[in-house]
Amino acid sequence: MGSVQIQCTRCKNVFRDRAARLQDGYSRQCPSCEVVLFFAEDSQHPFVKRAMRNARKVRKEQREAEAVRRAAPEPRLAQSRSFTGRTQSAERED
């Protein structure tokens, strides 16, 4: 899970929130001064703009990493000797 640092517009305290949450229309209360911060794509406040930009970047990196993980072939599991079974030998003498 990617997280983004957010700087409060009122008290300037820095806290974290998940990048997946920081989208247009999201609001979050500052844990320090309890002011409600509203996150919008067209916000003019530089702290909100920075947090939104960083959240977009983190989400994009996560999508790209997931695409690479899905495109990569899955490693084959090695079979254990105990599960391969036994074959009868034709040369067996009693």
Protein backbone atom coordinates (compact mmCIF):
# COMPACT_ATOMS: atom_id res chain seq x y z
CA MET A 1 0.00 0.00 0.00
CA GLY A 2 1.36 3.33 -1.00
CA SER A 3 0.95 6.28 1.25
CA VAL A 4 1.37 10.00 0.71
CA GLN A 5 2.50 12.73 3.04
CA ILE A 6 0.00 15.53 3.54
CA GLN A 7 0.78 18.90 5.06
CA CYS A 8 -2.05 20.59 6.91
CA THR A 9 -3.11 23.94 5.46
CA ARG A 10 -3.68 25.39 8.92
CA CYS A 11 -1.13 24.04 11.42
CA LYS A 12 1.47 22.84 8.84
CA ASN A 13 1.66 19.45 10.57
CA VAL A 14 2.63 16.56 8.24
CA PHE A 15 0.70 13.28 8.35
CA ARG A 16 0.14 10.31 6.04
CA ASP A 17 -2.82 8.84 4.22
CA ARG A 18 -3.20 6.11 1.62
CA ALA A 19 -2.78 7.22 -1.97
CA ALA A 20 -5.85 5.25 -3.03
CA ARG A 21 -8.00 7.45 -0.79
CA LEU A 22 -6.65 10.79 -2.00
CA GLN A 23 -8.91 11.39 -4.96
CA ASP A 24 -11.15 14.20 -6.09
CA GLY A 25 -13.84 14.83 -3.47
CA TYR A 26 -12.03 13.18 -0.54
CA SER A 27 -11.93 15.00 2.81
CA ARG A 28 -9.72 14.26 5.80
CA GLN A 29 -9.42 15.73 9.25
CA CYS A 30 -5.97 16.84 10.41
CA PRO A 31 -4.95 14.68 13.39
CA SER A 32 -3.30 17.65 15.07
CA CYS A 33 -5.59 20.67 14.75
CA GLU A 34 -8.72 18.81 13.53
CA VAL A 35 -9.39 21.13 10.59
CA VAL A 36 -11.12 19.34 7.70
CA LEU A 37 -9.05 19.27 4.51
CA PHE A 38 -10.86 18.90 1.20
CA PHE A 39 -8.98 17.33 -1.69
CA ALA A 40 -9.97 18.43 -5.18
CA GLU A 41 -8.15 18.27 -8.51
CA ASP A 42 -8.68 22.00 -9.10
CA SER A 43 -7.55 23.14 -5.64
CA GLN A 44 -5.40 26.25 -5.55
CA HIS A 45 -3.66 25.46 -2.25
CA PRO A 46 -0.09 24.23 -2.87
CA PHE A 47 -0.18 21.63 -0.05
CA VAL A 48 -3.32 20.02 -1.47
CA LYS A 49 -1.95 20.19 -5.03
CA ARG A 50 1.27 18.47 -3.94
CA ALA A 51 -0.57 15.72 -2.06
CA MET A 52 -2.89 15.07 -5.03
CA ARG A 53 0.04 14.99 -7.47
CA ASN A 54 2.01 12.59 -5.26
CA ALA A 55 -1.05 10.35 -4.83
CA ARG A 56 -1.54 10.15 -8.61
CA LYS A 57 2.13 9.25 -9.01
CA VAL A 58 1.97 6.51 -6.35
CA ARG A 59 -1.22 5.03 -7.84
CA LYS A 60 0.37 5.00 -11.31
CA GLU A 61 3.49 3.24 -9.98
CA GLN A 62 1.31 0.66 -8.23
CA ARG A 63 -0.66 0.00 -11.43
CA GLU A 64 2.55 -0.41 -13.43
CA ALA A 65 4.04 -2.78 -10.85
CA GLU A 66 0.83 -4.83 -10.89
CA ALA A 67 0.91 -5.01 -14.70
CA VAL A 68 4.52 -6.22 -14.65
CA ARG A 69 3.67 -8.79 -11.99
CA ARG A 70 0.75 -10.11 -14.05
CA ALA A 71 2.77 -10.20 -17.27
CA ALA A 72 5.66 -12.11 -15.71
CA PRO A 73 5.39 -15.89 -15.99
CA GLU A 74 4.64 -17.67 -12.77
CA PRO A 75 7.53 -19.73 -11.41
CA ARG A 76 7.04 -23.47 -11.70
CA LEU A 77 6.75 -25.32 -8.47
CA ALA A 78 9.34 -28.05 -8.09
CA GLN A 79 7.80 -31.41 -7.33
CA SER A 80 8.93 -33.09 -4.20
CA ARG A 81 10.31 -36.62 -4.40
CA SER A 82 7.73 -37.83 -1.92
CA PHE A 83 4.91 -36.77 -4.26
CA THR A 84 6.34 -37.95 -7.58
CA GLY A 85 5.29 -41.53 -6.95
CA ARG A 86 7.30 -44.68 -7.44
CA THR A 87 7.78 -46.55 -10.64
CA GLN A 88 8.12 -50.27 -10.76
CA SER A 89 11.37 -51.54 -12.09
CA ALA A 90 11.27 -54.28 -14.72
CA GLU A 91 14.66 -55.53 -13.52
CA ARG A 92 13.44 -56.30 -10.07
CA GLU A 93 14.25 -59.81 -8.88
CA ASP A 94 12.79 -61.55 -5.85
